[in-house]
Amino acid sequence: MERVRPTWSWYWGIWALMGLYMASWDLALYPSASILRLLVMNLLQNGTWGLLGLFLLWLANHHPIESFAWSQWRTWSLHLLASVVVAGVGLFLAYVISLLIQSDEWKKPMTMAMVWKGLPRFYRAYFHTNLLFMWAVVAAFHGLRIYRKYKTREVVTAQLEARFAEAQNQALRMQLQPHFLFNTLNSISALVHSNPDGADEMISRLGDFLRKTLDEPHGQLVTLRRELAFIQDYLAIEQIRFQERLRVEVQIPAELMEMRLPSFILQPLVENALKHGLADRPQGGTLFLRARKEAEHLVLEVQDDGEGYVAGREGVGLTNVRSRLGLLYKGNFQIEILGAPGHGTLVVLRLPLEASGEGGK
């Protein structure tokens, strides 16, 4: 069972403020009385109630009220009985304190007759108020307990959501690697008979590429520099298949190289540009990779001058990119696909700016 530790400075501070408030109340009723004596009396009385309230806190910590259900009637009864007893004892001690101070003020010795004479009237006047104080102690404790329980649950929920999103993101990332490998092996198969040397070199480069992939850290974010190096390794493999038909232009300012973005996020876009835009053109074409800062976003562009985008054609790669960005950035990202048949395709990603720090170089 979870234990709640009250904030003691607040606890005793409230009792001290109550003492000051009640001293000002007594001063208004008895303007001729000594301010110092009224202040001392009320601070001692409220300090006594605070000490007795510690028992109620201990009881609430060991037997907390969990709900309003009928099954909790024993716990409710226990707290009700304890608060009545504590209020009664506390009021008696407060009465004795007041008599001690008054007897000293009036220079009269305190006797048992003095104690019993005014006690019933004192209880009738202040018992309900004191009982209310004790209920406030119990209620404040449970309010603090519920608040902390809620905050703890909120933190745990956020952590679980983050871990779930990370797991989903990792699963999507792993989905891309077999997809990429399958497509590359198809390309190798096509070269085996027409260009055996090219196929052999492609296999060698693929082995190096996969080795680098396995050595990569599995964090969600990497620097643009690392992602670009990954893309260049991938394009080196594709260059064997395309030969002179593939031209690549990279337009990325050096100051953006340490910006972070999701790992393995550009490869599906580059692959789509090659597969759907340039692969079937005898003359090939040019692939453009660009990056820039725009307000609070990092803007990434993958463009080809090939066959052009056909609406509704969205394969595994692009669907995967949308899903991963949705997990990582919720609604704070944009993906646009622009183009027309025969005029090439432009894919634009707008991602929140992320300072360098975890991706590495």
Protein backbone atom coordinates (compact mmCIF):
# COMPACT_ATOMS: atom_id res chain seq x y z
CA MET A 1 0.00 0.00 0.00
CA GLU A 2 1.35 3.40 -1.00
CA ARG A 3 2.34 5.72 1.85
CA VAL A 4 1.86 9.47 1.54
CA ARG A 5 4.26 11.86 3.26
CA PRO A 6 2.59 15.21 4.00
CA THR A 7 4.49 18.44 3.40
CA TRP A 8 5.25 19.38 7.01
CA SER A 9 6.04 23.04 6.38
CA TRP A 10 2.56 23.46 4.92
CA TYR A 11 0.96 21.40 7.67
CA TRP A 12 2.41 23.39 10.57
CA GLY A 13 2.15 26.64 8.64
CA ILE A 14 -1.62 26.21 8.32
CA TRP A 15 -2.00 25.50 12.04
CA ALA A 16 0.10 28.60 12.82
CA LEU A 17 -2.09 30.73 10.54
CA MET A 18 -5.17 29.30 12.27
CA GLY A 19 -3.67 30.32 15.60
CA LEU A 20 -3.08 33.89 14.35
CA TYR A 21 -6.58 34.08 12.92
CA MET A 22 -8.23 32.87 16.14
CA ALA A 23 -6.06 35.25 18.20
CA SER A 24 -7.33 38.17 16.11
CA TRP A 25 -10.88 36.87 16.60
CA ASP A 26 -10.44 36.78 20.41
CA LEU A 27 -8.88 40.23 20.33
CA ALA A 28 -11.95 41.57 18.53
CA LEU A 29 -14.19 40.01 21.23
CA TYR A 30 -11.97 41.07 24.16
CA PRO A 31 -10.18 44.29 23.13
CA SER A 32 -8.87 44.90 26.67
CA ALA A 33 -7.08 41.53 26.85
CA SER A 34 -3.33 41.20 26.40
CA ILE A 35 -2.44 40.67 22.73
CA LEU A 36 0.61 38.59 23.67
CA ARG A 37 -1.39 36.27 25.95
CA LEU A 38 -4.11 35.78 23.32
CA LEU A 39 -1.48 35.03 20.69
CA VAL A 40 0.37 32.54 22.92
CA MET A 41 -2.87 30.84 23.97
CA ASN A 42 -4.15 30.37 20.42
CA LEU A 43 -0.81 29.22 19.05
CA LEU A 44 -0.51 26.66 21.87
CA GLN A 45 -4.08 25.45 21.29
CA ASN A 46 -3.62 25.09 17.55
CA GLY A 47 -0.22 23.48 18.05
CA THR A 48 -1.89 20.92 20.33
CA TRP A 49 -4.55 20.22 17.70
CA GLY A 50 -1.80 19.86 15.12
CA LEU A 51 -0.03 17.25 17.26
CA LEU A 52 -3.25 15.31 17.72
CA GLY A 53 -3.90 15.61 14.00
CA LEU A 54 -0.72 13.60 13.43
CA PHE A 55 -2.53 10.59 14.83
CA LEU A 56 -5.29 11.06 12.25
CA LEU A 57 -2.66 11.32 9.51
CA TRP A 58 -0.99 8.13 10.71
CA LEU A 59 -4.36 6.37 10.74
CA ALA A 60 -5.25 7.64 7.26
CA ASN A 61 -1.86 6.53 5.94
CA HIS A 62 -2.36 2.98 7.21
CA HIS A 63 -6.11 2.75 6.58
CA PRO A 64 -6.88 5.09 3.67
CA ILE A 65 -10.40 5.62 2.36
CA GLU A 66 -10.36 4.18 -1.14
CA SER A 67 -13.94 4.86 -2.26
CA PHE A 68 -17.49 5.76 -1.22
CA ALA A 69 -18.62 2.15 -1.63
CA TRP A 70 -20.55 0.46 1.18
CA SER A 71 -17.72 -2.06 1.51
CA GLN A 72 -15.63 0.78 2.97
CA TRP A 73 -18.01 1.38 5.90
CA ARG A 74 -15.53 0.03 8.46
CA THR A 75 -12.83 2.44 7.30
CA TRP A 76 -15.28 5.36 7.30
CA SER A 77 -16.46 4.43 10.77
CA LEU A 78 -12.89 4.15 12.03
CA HIS A 79 -12.02 7.65 10.77
CA LEU A 80 -15.27 9.12 12.08
CA LEU A 81 -14.73 7.66 15.55
CA ALA A 82 -11.06 8.68 15.61
CA SER A 83 -11.87 12.27 14.57
CA VAL A 84 -14.56 12.56 17.27
CA VAL A 85 -12.16 11.26 19.95
CA VAL A 86 -9.29 13.47 18.77
CA ALA A 87 -11.59 16.51 18.62
CA GLY A 88 -12.80 15.80 22.16
CA VAL A 89 -9.31 15.34 23.59
CA GLY A 90 -8.00 18.33 21.68
CA LEU A 91 -10.78 20.56 22.93
CA PHE A 92 -10.18 19.49 26.52
CA LEU A 93 -6.47 20.29 26.23
CA ALA A 94 -7.28 23.63 24.60
CA TYR A 95 -9.63 24.43 27.50
CA VAL A 96 -6.92 23.56 30.05
CA ILE A 97 -4.43 25.79 28.18
CA SER A 98 -6.88 28.70 28.24
CA LEU A 99 -7.51 28.21 31.98
CA LEU A 100 -3.78 28.09 32.74
CA ILE A 101 -3.16 31.34 30.91
CA GLN A 102 -6.24 33.01 32.40
CA SER A 103 -5.41 31.85 35.94
CA ASP A 104 -1.90 33.28 35.56
CA GLU A 105 -3.36 36.50 34.20
CA TRP A 106 -5.87 36.78 37.03
CA LYS A 107 -3.32 35.54 39.60
CA LYS A 108 -5.70 32.81 40.70
CA PRO A 109 -4.70 29.16 41.19
CA MET A 110 -6.47 26.74 38.84
CA THR A 111 -8.67 24.21 40.62
CA MET A 112 -10.68 21.22 39.40
CA ALA A 113 -13.82 23.16 40.20
CA MET A 114 -12.74 25.81 37.70
CA VAL A 115 -12.06 23.12 35.12
CA TRP A 116 -15.43 21.36 35.40
CA LYS A 117 -17.45 24.54 35.79
CA GLY A 118 -16.95 25.94 32.30
CA LEU A 119 -16.12 22.74 30.41
CA PRO A 120 -19.67 21.84 29.20
CA ARG A 121 -20.21 25.35 27.85
CA PHE A 122 -16.78 25.26 26.16
CA TYR A 123 -17.64 21.97 24.45
CA ARG A 124 -21.03 23.26 23.31
CA ALA A 125 -19.42 26.36 21.85
CA TYR A 126 -16.38 24.86 20.12
CA PHE A 127 -16.73 21.09 19.70
CA HIS A 128 -18.27 21.18 16.21
CA THR A 129 -15.66 23.67 15.03
CA ASN A 130 -12.82 21.52 16.34
CA LEU A 131 -14.38 18.40 14.83
CA LEU A 132 -14.51 20.24 11.51
CA PHE A 133 -10.79 20.96 11.83
CA MET A 134 -10.06 17.26 12.31
CA TRP A 135 -12.21 16.33 9.34
CA ALA A 136 -10.30 18.93 7.32
CA VAL A 137 -7.03 17.20 8.27
CA VAL A 138 -8.33 13.82 7.08
CA ALA A 139 -9.85 15.33 3.92
CA ALA A 140 -6.66 17.24 3.08
CA PHE A 141 -4.62 14.06 3.49
CA HIS A 142 -6.86 12.10 1.14
CA GLY A 143 -6.95 15.01 -1.30
CA LEU A 144 -3.13 15.03 -1.37
CA ARG A 145 -3.10 11.25 -1.73
CA ILE A 146 -5.54 11.32 -4.65
CA TYR A 147 -3.60 14.15 -6.33
CA ARG A 148 -0.28 12.30 -6.04
CA LYS A 149 -1.89 9.08 -7.21
CA TYR A 150 -3.33 10.91 -10.21
CA LYS A 151 0.02 12.55 -11.06
CA THR A 152 1.83 9.22 -10.70
CA ARG A 153 -0.71 7.54 -12.96
CA GLU A 154 -0.37 10.42 -15.43
CA VAL A 155 3.41 9.99 -15.53
CA VAL A 156 3.15 6.22 -15.88
CA THR A 157 0.58 6.61 -18.68
CA ALA A 158 2.84 9.05 -20.51
CA GLN A 159 5.78 6.67 -20.15
CA LEU A 160 3.72 3.75 -21.42
CA GLU A 161 2.50 5.80 -24.39
CA ALA A 162 6.07 6.83 -25.21
CA ARG A 163 7.29 3.22 -25.00
CA PHE A 164 4.37 2.01 -27.10
CA ALA A 165 5.06 4.69 -29.73
CA GLU A 166 8.74 3.76 -29.71
CA ALA A 167 7.88 0.08 -30.15
CA GLN A 168 5.51 0.88 -33.02
CA ASN A 169 8.12 3.11 -34.61
CA GLN A 170 10.77 0.41 -34.31
CA ALA A 171 8.41 -2.15 -35.84
CA LEU A 172 7.71 0.16 -38.78
CA ARG A 173 11.43 0.81 -39.21
CA MET A 174 12.12 -2.93 -39.23
CA GLN A 175 9.34 -3.35 -41.81
CA LEU A 176 11.27 -1.16 -44.24
CA GLN A 177 14.49 -3.14 -44.15
CA PRO A 178 13.09 -6.42 -45.60
CA HIS A 179 11.14 -4.31 -48.12
CA PHE A 180 14.32 -2.55 -49.21
CA LEU A 181 16.28 -5.82 -49.26
CA PHE A 182 13.64 -7.52 -51.42
CA ASN A 183 13.72 -4.71 -53.98
CA THR A 184 17.54 -4.66 -54.05
CA LEU A 185 17.71 -8.43 -54.56
CA ASN A 186 15.28 -8.07 -57.47
CA SER A 187 17.64 -5.51 -58.99
CA ILE A 188 20.57 -7.88 -58.53
CA SER A 189 18.59 -10.68 -60.12
CA ALA A 190 17.93 -8.49 -63.16
CA LEU A 191 21.66 -7.78 -63.54
CA VAL A 192 22.94 -11.32 -63.09
CA HIS A 193 22.69 -12.22 -66.79
CA SER A 194 22.95 -8.81 -68.45
CA ASN A 195 25.73 -7.39 -66.29
CA PRO A 196 27.39 -10.06 -64.10
CA ASP A 197 30.17 -7.74 -62.95
CA GLY A 198 27.60 -5.11 -61.94
CA ALA A 199 25.57 -7.73 -60.06
CA ASP A 200 28.70 -8.90 -58.25
CA GLU A 201 29.63 -5.35 -57.26
CA MET A 202 26.04 -4.70 -56.18
CA ILE A 203 26.12 -7.76 -53.91
CA SER A 204 29.39 -6.57 -52.39
CA ARG A 205 28.04 -3.07 -51.77
CA LEU A 206 24.80 -4.51 -50.37
CA GLY A 207 26.81 -6.57 -47.88
CA ASP A 208 28.71 -3.48 -46.75
CA PHE A 209 25.49 -1.51 -46.55
CA LEU A 210 23.71 -4.13 -44.43
CA ARG A 211 26.74 -4.38 -42.13
CA LYS A 212 26.56 -0.61 -41.55
CA THR A 213 22.82 -0.88 -40.95
CA LEU A 214 23.35 -3.50 -38.26
CA ASP A 215 25.99 -1.33 -36.62
CA GLU A 216 23.68 1.70 -36.55
CA PRO A 217 22.23 2.75 -33.16
CA HIS A 218 18.53 1.96 -32.90
CA GLY A 219 17.39 5.33 -31.60
CA GLN A 220 14.38 6.99 -33.14
CA LEU A 221 16.24 10.13 -34.20
CA VAL A 222 19.54 10.62 -36.02
CA THR A 223 21.30 13.67 -37.42
CA LEU A 224 20.70 14.76 -40.99
CA ARG A 225 24.40 14.08 -41.59
CA ARG A 226 23.98 10.41 -40.62
CA GLU A 227 20.77 10.02 -42.60
CA LEU A 228 22.38 11.59 -45.67
CA ALA A 229 25.38 9.23 -45.41
CA PHE A 230 22.91 6.34 -45.26
CA ILE A 231 21.15 7.60 -48.41
CA GLN A 232 24.44 8.03 -50.25
CA ASP A 233 25.37 4.42 -49.43
CA TYR A 234 22.00 3.32 -50.77
CA LEU A 235 22.40 5.39 -53.93
CA ALA A 236 25.84 3.88 -54.51
CA ILE A 237 24.10 0.50 -54.80
CA GLU A 238 21.41 1.86 -57.13
CA GLN A 239 24.03 3.66 -59.24
CA ILE A 240 25.32 0.25 -60.38
CA ARG A 241 21.92 -0.58 -61.82
CA PHE A 242 21.26 2.85 -63.34
CA GLN A 243 24.84 3.48 -64.53
CA GLU A 244 25.00 6.87 -66.28
CA ARG A 245 21.21 7.24 -66.27
CA LEU A 246 21.11 8.42 -62.65
CA ARG A 247 22.32 11.83 -61.58
CA VAL A 248 22.11 13.02 -57.97
CA GLU A 249 22.19 16.60 -56.73
CA VAL A 250 22.40 17.32 -53.00
CA GLN A 251 21.54 20.85 -51.86
CA ILE A 252 21.81 20.82 -48.07
CA PRO A 253 23.47 23.68 -46.13
CA ALA A 254 26.23 22.60 -43.76
CA GLU A 255 24.56 24.33 -40.79
CA LEU A 256 21.62 21.92 -41.01
CA MET A 257 23.69 18.75 -40.83
CA GLU A 258 23.23 18.41 -37.06
CA MET A 259 19.45 18.77 -37.15
CA ARG A 260 17.70 15.57 -36.09
CA LEU A 261 15.07 13.60 -37.94
CA PRO A 262 13.61 10.08 -37.79
CA SER A 263 16.12 7.45 -38.84
CA PHE A 264 15.55 5.65 -42.17
CA ILE A 265 12.89 8.22 -43.13
CA LEU A 266 14.31 9.43 -46.47
CA GLN A 267 15.18 6.04 -47.99
CA PRO A 268 11.56 5.11 -48.88
CA LEU A 269 11.09 8.48 -50.60
CA VAL A 270 14.33 8.11 -52.56
CA GLU A 271 13.39 4.55 -53.47
CA ASN A 272 9.97 5.69 -54.73
CA ALA A 273 11.61 8.39 -56.85
CA LEU A 274 13.92 5.83 -58.46
CA LYS A 275 11.36 3.06 -58.85
CA HIS A 276 8.32 5.04 -60.00
CA GLY A 277 9.96 8.11 -61.49
CA LEU A 278 13.25 7.17 -63.17
CA ALA A 279 13.62 3.37 -63.50
CA ASP A 280 11.47 3.00 -66.66
CA ARG A 281 12.93 6.02 -68.49
CA PRO A 282 15.63 5.06 -71.00
CA GLN A 283 17.36 8.38 -70.43
CA GLY A 284 17.06 8.13 -66.65
CA GLY A 285 16.94 11.44 -64.84
CA THR A 286 18.05 13.52 -61.86
CA LEU A 287 17.31 13.03 -58.21
CA PHE A 288 17.37 16.14 -56.01
CA LEU A 289 17.83 16.11 -52.24
CA ARG A 290 17.26 19.45 -50.49
CA ALA A 291 16.91 20.75 -46.96
CA ARG A 292 16.19 24.15 -45.45
CA LYS A 293 14.90 25.82 -42.30
CA GLU A 294 11.46 27.35 -42.52
CA ALA A 295 10.11 29.06 -39.38
CA GLU A 296 10.06 26.32 -36.72
CA HIS A 297 10.40 23.44 -39.15
CA LEU A 298 13.07 21.49 -40.95
CA VAL A 299 11.94 21.15 -44.56
CA LEU A 300 13.21 18.14 -46.53
CA GLU A 301 12.59 17.67 -50.25
CA VAL A 302 13.05 14.61 -52.46
CA GLN A 303 12.43 15.43 -56.12
CA ASP A 304 12.85 13.67 -59.43
CA ASP A 305 12.30 14.82 -63.01
CA GLY A 306 10.84 11.52 -64.11
CA GLU A 307 7.42 10.08 -64.90
CA GLY A 308 5.48 12.14 -62.36
CA TYR A 309 3.20 11.41 -59.47
CA VAL A 310 0.01 9.46 -60.07
CA ALA A 311 -2.65 10.23 -57.43
CA GLY A 312 -3.68 7.24 -55.36
CA ARG A 313 -0.41 5.37 -55.89
CA GLU A 314 0.96 5.13 -52.37
CA GLY A 315 2.90 2.00 -51.55
CA VAL A 316 4.43 0.48 -48.44
CA GLY A 317 7.23 3.03 -48.19
CA LEU A 318 5.12 6.20 -48.18
CA THR A 319 2.47 4.67 -45.93
CA ASN A 320 5.25 3.70 -43.53
CA VAL A 321 6.66 7.25 -43.54
CA ARG A 322 3.24 8.73 -42.71
CA SER A 323 2.72 6.27 -39.86
CA ARG A 324 6.12 6.90 -38.30
CA LEU A 325 5.81 10.67 -38.49
CA GLY A 326 2.35 10.43 -36.95
CA LEU A 327 3.75 8.45 -34.01
CA LEU A 328 6.70 10.74 -33.42
CA TYR A 329 5.22 14.18 -34.05
CA LYS A 330 1.46 13.65 -33.62
CA GLY A 331 -0.08 16.43 -35.73
CA ASN A 332 3.02 18.63 -35.84
CA PHE A 333 4.30 17.62 -39.26
CA GLN A 334 3.34 17.90 -42.92
CA ILE A 335 3.93 15.71 -45.94
CA GLU A 336 3.09 16.97 -49.43
CA ILE A 337 3.32 15.14 -52.74
CA LEU A 338 3.36 17.43 -55.77
CA GLY A 339 3.69 16.56 -59.44
CA ALA A 340 1.96 15.61 -62.64
CA PRO A 341 2.45 12.81 -65.19
CA GLY A 342 5.54 13.55 -67.28
CA HIS A 343 6.70 16.41 -65.07
CA GLY A 344 8.36 14.66 -62.16
CA THR A 345 7.45 14.39 -58.48
CA LEU A 346 8.30 16.48 -55.43
CA VAL A 347 7.83 15.11 -51.90
CA VAL A 348 8.09 17.71 -49.13
CA LEU A 349 8.43 16.87 -45.42
CA ARG A 350 8.04 19.56 -42.75
CA LEU A 351 9.28 18.36 -39.37
CA PRO A 352 9.66 20.23 -36.05
CA LEU A 353 13.19 21.51 -35.56
CA GLU A 354 15.20 19.23 -33.26
CA ALA A 355 18.53 20.38 -31.85
CA SER A 356 21.48 18.05 -32.29
CA GLY A 357 22.36 16.04 -29.21
CA GLU A 358 21.29 12.42 -29.40
CA GLY A 359 21.66 11.36 -32.98
CA GLY A 360 25.42 11.42 -33.17
CA LYS A 361 27.51 12.26 -36.24
